[in-house]
Amino acid sequence: MKSSVWFVAGAATGVYVMVKAKRAVEVFTPDGIGARVAAVRAGAREFVGHVAAGADEREADLLAELRANADGYRLLEPGPTDAQPE
């Protein structure tokens, strides 16, 4: 009984190591490298799209705020460089 448990454990370990080794080798093939490059490009495209959408949304918010306050009131208090000389 004890030897059959060790046999099954060894066989399972061997299968596990073979699968991991096969996957590791596939990473360094031209197809594997191409797949990784394609994934990085897709991720970068998606990131740029999210950034652009966020910038457009923020720009729309700022323009709406400017239009809402366009009745002649100054939004900012005068700073030291904007202050009138006495």
Protein backbone atom coordinates (compact mmCIF):
# COMPACT_ATOMS: atom_id res chain seq x y z
CA MET A 1 0.00 0.00 0.00
CA LYS A 2 2.77 2.39 0.94
CA SER A 3 4.67 1.86 -2.30
CA SER A 4 1.53 2.47 -4.42
CA VAL A 5 1.00 5.85 -2.72
CA TRP A 6 4.57 6.86 -3.52
CA PHE A 7 4.16 5.62 -7.09
CA VAL A 8 1.00 7.74 -7.60
CA ALA A 9 2.67 10.76 -5.98
CA GLY A 10 5.70 10.38 -8.26
CA ALA A 11 3.57 9.97 -11.36
CA ALA A 12 1.50 13.05 -10.49
CA THR A 13 4.66 15.05 -9.86
CA GLY A 14 6.11 13.92 -13.18
CA VAL A 15 2.97 14.94 -15.08
CA TYR A 16 2.91 18.30 -13.31
CA VAL A 17 6.56 18.99 -14.14
CA MET A 18 6.08 17.99 -17.78
CA VAL A 19 3.09 20.31 -18.21
CA LYS A 20 4.92 23.23 -16.59
CA ALA A 21 8.02 22.62 -18.71
CA LYS A 22 5.96 22.47 -21.90
CA ARG A 23 4.28 25.78 -21.05
CA ALA A 24 7.63 27.38 -20.22
CA VAL A 25 9.07 26.29 -23.56
CA GLU A 26 6.00 27.60 -25.44
CA VAL A 27 6.58 31.07 -24.00
CA PHE A 28 9.91 31.37 -25.81
CA THR A 29 8.70 30.23 -29.23
CA PRO A 30 7.99 32.87 -31.88
CA ASP A 31 4.25 32.26 -31.50
CA GLY A 32 4.46 32.62 -27.72
CA ILE A 33 6.43 35.85 -27.95
CA GLY A 34 4.03 37.15 -30.59
CA ALA A 35 1.07 36.38 -28.35
CA ARG A 36 2.66 38.27 -25.47
CA VAL A 37 3.44 41.27 -27.68
CA ALA A 38 -0.14 41.26 -28.98
CA ALA A 39 -1.47 41.14 -25.43
CA VAL A 40 0.72 44.10 -24.40
CA ARG A 41 -0.45 46.09 -27.43
CA ALA A 42 -4.10 45.33 -26.68
CA GLY A 43 -3.62 46.37 -23.06
CA ALA A 44 -1.92 49.60 -24.09
CA ARG A 45 -4.73 50.39 -26.56
CA GLU A 46 -7.34 49.81 -23.87
CA PHE A 47 -5.42 51.97 -21.38
CA VAL A 48 -5.12 54.82 -23.88
CA GLY A 49 -8.83 54.55 -24.61
CA HIS A 50 -9.71 54.78 -20.92
CA VAL A 51 -7.42 57.77 -20.43
CA ALA A 52 -8.89 59.56 -23.45
CA ALA A 53 -12.44 58.88 -22.26
CA GLY A 54 -11.58 60.21 -18.81
CA ALA A 55 -9.99 63.33 -20.30
CA ASP A 56 -13.04 63.94 -22.50
CA GLU A 57 -15.36 63.50 -19.52
CA ARG A 58 -13.32 65.89 -17.38
CA GLU A 59 -13.18 68.44 -20.19
CA ALA A 60 -16.97 68.29 -20.55
CA ASP A 61 -17.37 68.77 -16.79
CA LEU A 62 -15.06 71.79 -16.81
CA LEU A 63 -16.80 73.37 -19.81
CA ALA A 64 -20.19 72.86 -18.16
CA GLU A 65 -18.90 74.52 -15.00
CA LEU A 66 -17.50 77.45 -16.96
CA ARG A 67 -20.79 77.90 -18.82
CA ALA A 68 -22.74 77.77 -15.55
CA ASN A 69 -20.53 80.48 -14.07
CA ALA A 70 -20.31 82.64 -17.19
CA ASP A 71 -22.62 85.33 -15.76
CA GLY A 72 -19.73 87.64 -14.91
CA TYR A 73 -18.73 86.38 -11.50
CA ARG A 74 -15.09 85.66 -10.93
CA LEU A 75 -14.54 82.08 -9.80
CA LEU A 76 -11.14 82.62 -8.21
CA GLU A 77 -10.08 85.10 -5.61
CA PRO A 78 -7.33 87.44 -6.76
CA GLY A 79 -3.92 86.18 -5.81
CA PRO A 80 -0.80 88.20 -4.98
CA THR A 81 -0.01 88.73 -8.68
CA ASP A 82 -3.62 89.69 -9.51
CA ALA A 83 -4.03 92.17 -6.66
CA GLN A 84 -4.51 95.81 -7.53
CA PRO A 85 -1.70 98.13 -6.38
CA GLU A 86 -2.72 100.46 -3.55
